Amino acid sequence: MRNAAGTRVRCSRGRGWVTVEGDPADYWISAGDEMQVRSPGRVVIEAYPGGELQVTLPTGRCGRQAV
């Protein structure tokens, strides 16, 4: 996903992985965890087998995104 600043990622089941362009850290989230992307760069979001993630775009942003 491009221009991801303000995007929220919530894990409702299992585990997920989030990596953000320009951020040296990778983020592992588990059921009940939520994070907000702060960088305007690209982001890769992946649910692991059995995992479920919800991605919420910032208010005012809609349309097609490469996910």
N, C-alpha and C. Protein backbone atom coordinates (compact mmCIF):
# COMPACT_ATOMS: atom_id res chain seq x y z
N MET A 1 0.85 -1.15 0.00
CA MET A 1 0.00 0.00 0.00
C MET A 1 0.91 1.23 0.00
N ARG A 2 0.58 2.21 -0.82
CA ARG A 2 1.37 3.44 -0.88
C ARG A 2 0.74 4.54 -0.04
N ASN A 3 1.55 5.51 0.34
CA ASN A 3 1.08 6.68 1.09
C ASN A 3 0.20 6.23 2.27
N ALA A 4 0.77 5.44 3.13
CA ALA A 4 0.01 4.74 4.17
C ALA A 4 -0.15 5.51 5.48
N ALA A 5 0.39 6.72 5.57
CA ALA A 5 0.32 7.46 6.84
C ALA A 5 -1.12 7.56 7.33
N GLY A 6 -1.32 7.24 8.60
CA GLY A 6 -2.65 7.30 9.21
C GLY A 6 -3.45 6.02 9.11
N THR A 7 -2.98 5.06 8.33
CA THR A 7 -3.68 3.78 8.19
C THR A 7 -3.57 3.02 9.50
N ARG A 8 -4.68 2.42 9.93
CA ARG A 8 -4.70 1.60 11.15
C ARG A 8 -4.80 0.13 10.77
N VAL A 9 -4.03 -0.68 11.49
CA VAL A 9 -4.05 -2.13 11.29
C VAL A 9 -4.39 -2.76 12.63
N ARG A 10 -5.43 -3.59 12.63
CA ARG A 10 -5.86 -4.26 13.86
C ARG A 10 -5.88 -5.76 13.61
N CYS A 11 -5.34 -6.51 14.56
CA CYS A 11 -5.33 -7.97 14.46
C CYS A 11 -6.46 -8.51 15.35
N SER A 12 -7.41 -9.18 14.73
CA SER A 12 -8.52 -9.73 15.51
C SER A 12 -8.34 -11.21 15.83
N ARG A 13 -7.42 -11.86 15.10
CA ARG A 13 -7.17 -13.29 15.36
C ARG A 13 -5.79 -13.65 14.85
N GLY A 14 -5.09 -14.48 15.57
CA GLY A 14 -3.79 -14.95 15.12
C GLY A 14 -2.71 -13.89 15.22
N ARG A 15 -1.88 -13.82 14.16
CA ARG A 15 -0.76 -12.88 14.12
C ARG A 15 -0.69 -12.20 12.77
N GLY A 16 -0.07 -11.03 12.77
CA GLY A 16 0.16 -10.31 11.54
C GLY A 16 1.52 -9.64 11.56
N TRP A 17 1.98 -9.28 10.38
CA TRP A 17 3.29 -8.66 10.21
C TRP A 17 3.10 -7.38 9.42
N VAL A 18 3.74 -6.30 9.86
CA VAL A 18 3.66 -5.01 9.19
C VAL A 18 5.07 -4.48 9.03
N THR A 19 5.43 -4.08 7.81
CA THR A 19 6.72 -3.44 7.59
C THR A 19 6.47 -2.14 6.84
N VAL A 20 7.18 -1.09 7.24
CA VAL A 20 6.95 0.25 6.72
C VAL A 20 8.23 0.76 6.07
N GLU A 21 8.11 1.28 4.87
CA GLU A 21 9.25 1.84 4.15
C GLU A 21 9.94 2.92 4.99
N GLY A 22 11.26 2.83 5.11
CA GLY A 22 12.03 3.81 5.85
C GLY A 22 12.12 3.54 7.34
N ASP A 23 11.42 2.55 7.83
CA ASP A 23 11.45 2.20 9.25
C ASP A 23 12.24 0.90 9.38
N PRO A 24 13.35 0.90 10.10
CA PRO A 24 14.16 -0.32 10.18
C PRO A 24 13.50 -1.47 10.94
N ALA A 25 12.45 -1.18 11.68
CA ALA A 25 11.78 -2.23 12.47
C ALA A 25 10.65 -2.87 11.68
N ASP A 26 10.41 -4.13 11.94
CA ASP A 26 9.20 -4.82 11.49
C ASP A 26 8.31 -4.94 12.71
N TYR A 27 7.01 -4.95 12.48
CA TYR A 27 6.06 -4.99 13.59
C TYR A 27 5.26 -6.28 13.52
N TRP A 28 5.23 -7.01 14.62
CA TRP A 28 4.44 -8.22 14.76
C TRP A 28 3.27 -7.88 15.67
N ILE A 29 2.06 -8.10 15.19
CA ILE A 29 0.89 -7.82 16.02
C ILE A 29 0.12 -9.11 16.24
N SER A 30 -0.45 -9.22 17.40
CA SER A 30 -1.22 -10.40 17.79
C SER A 30 -2.66 -9.99 18.05
N ALA A 31 -3.52 -11.00 18.22
CA ALA A 31 -4.94 -10.75 18.47
C ALA A 31 -5.12 -9.68 19.54
N GLY A 32 -5.92 -8.67 19.22
CA GLY A 32 -6.18 -7.57 20.15
C GLY A 32 -5.27 -6.37 19.96
N ASP A 33 -4.16 -6.54 19.24
CA ASP A 33 -3.23 -5.43 19.01
C ASP A 33 -3.71 -4.56 17.86
N GLU A 34 -3.35 -3.29 17.93
CA GLU A 34 -3.66 -2.34 16.86
C GLU A 34 -2.48 -1.39 16.73
N MET A 35 -2.19 -0.98 15.51
CA MET A 35 -1.13 0.00 15.30
C MET A 35 -1.55 0.99 14.23
N GLN A 36 -0.95 2.17 14.27
CA GLN A 36 -1.19 3.18 13.26
C GLN A 36 0.11 3.45 12.53
N VAL A 37 0.05 3.44 11.21
CA VAL A 37 1.23 3.72 10.38
C VAL A 37 1.46 5.23 10.41
N ARG A 38 2.67 5.65 10.71
CA ARG A 38 2.98 7.07 10.80
C ARG A 38 3.76 7.58 9.58
N SER A 39 4.42 6.69 8.88
CA SER A 39 5.23 7.07 7.72
C SER A 39 4.37 7.24 6.48
N PRO A 40 4.69 8.21 5.63
CA PRO A 40 3.93 8.38 4.39
C PRO A 40 4.37 7.40 3.30
N GLY A 41 5.33 6.55 3.58
CA GLY A 41 5.85 5.63 2.58
C GLY A 41 4.94 4.44 2.34
N ARG A 42 5.51 3.45 1.71
CA ARG A 42 4.78 2.21 1.43
C ARG A 42 4.77 1.32 2.66
N VAL A 43 3.75 0.46 2.73
CA VAL A 43 3.63 -0.47 3.83
C VAL A 43 3.22 -1.83 3.28
N VAL A 44 3.75 -2.89 3.88
CA VAL A 44 3.36 -4.26 3.55
C VAL A 44 2.72 -4.85 4.79
N ILE A 45 1.52 -5.40 4.61
CA ILE A 45 0.74 -5.96 5.71
C ILE A 45 0.41 -7.41 5.35
N GLU A 46 0.70 -8.33 6.26
CA GLU A 46 0.46 -9.74 5.97
C GLU A 46 -0.09 -10.45 7.21
N ALA A 47 -1.19 -11.16 7.01
CA ALA A 47 -1.74 -12.02 8.07
C ALA A 47 -1.13 -13.40 7.90
N TYR A 48 -0.75 -14.01 9.00
CA TYR A 48 -0.23 -15.37 8.94
C TYR A 48 -1.39 -16.35 8.91
N PRO A 49 -1.14 -17.60 8.46
CA PRO A 49 -2.23 -18.58 8.37
C PRO A 49 -3.08 -18.60 9.65
N GLY A 50 -4.36 -18.46 9.46
CA GLY A 50 -5.29 -18.43 10.58
C GLY A 50 -5.46 -17.04 11.17
N GLY A 51 -4.68 -16.08 10.71
CA GLY A 51 -4.75 -14.72 11.22
C GLY A 51 -5.79 -13.90 10.47
N GLU A 52 -6.28 -12.87 11.13
CA GLU A 52 -7.25 -11.97 10.51
C GLU A 52 -6.90 -10.54 10.89
N LEU A 53 -6.72 -9.69 9.88
CA LEU A 53 -6.37 -8.30 10.09
C LEU A 53 -7.43 -7.40 9.48
N GLN A 54 -7.69 -6.27 10.11
CA GLN A 54 -8.55 -5.24 9.54
C GLN A 54 -7.67 -4.02 9.27
N VAL A 55 -7.82 -3.47 8.07
CA VAL A 55 -7.07 -2.29 7.67
C VAL A 55 -8.06 -1.16 7.49
N THR A 56 -7.84 -0.04 8.19
CA THR A 56 -8.72 1.11 8.10
C THR A 56 -7.93 2.30 7.58
N LEU A 57 -8.38 2.85 6.44
CA LEU A 57 -7.73 4.01 5.86
C LEU A 57 -8.11 5.26 6.63
N PRO A 58 -7.26 6.29 6.61
CA PRO A 58 -7.59 7.53 7.30
C PRO A 58 -8.86 8.16 6.73
N THR A 59 -9.54 8.94 7.54
CA THR A 59 -10.74 9.64 7.11
C THR A 59 -10.43 10.48 5.87
N GLY A 60 -11.33 10.40 4.91
CA GLY A 60 -11.15 11.17 3.68
C GLY A 60 -10.38 10.43 2.60
N ARG A 61 -9.81 9.28 2.91
CA ARG A 61 -9.10 8.51 1.89
C ARG A 61 -9.94 7.30 1.53
N CYS A 62 -10.17 7.15 0.29
CA CYS A 62 -10.88 5.97 -0.18
C CYS A 62 -10.40 5.68 -1.58
N GLY A 63 -10.97 4.70 -2.19
CA GLY A 63 -10.56 4.33 -3.53
C GLY A 63 -9.72 3.08 -3.52
N ARG A 64 -9.23 2.74 -4.68
CA ARG A 64 -8.47 1.51 -4.82
C ARG A 64 -7.06 1.68 -4.30
N GLN A 65 -6.62 0.71 -3.61
CA GLN A 65 -5.25 0.64 -3.09
C GLN A 65 -4.69 -0.71 -3.47
N ALA A 66 -3.42 -0.74 -3.79
CA ALA A 66 -2.76 -2.03 -4.01
C ALA A 66 -2.54 -2.63 -2.63
N VAL A 67 -3.19 -3.75 -2.36
CA VAL A 67 -3.03 -4.41 -1.07
C VAL A 67 -2.66 -5.85 -1.26
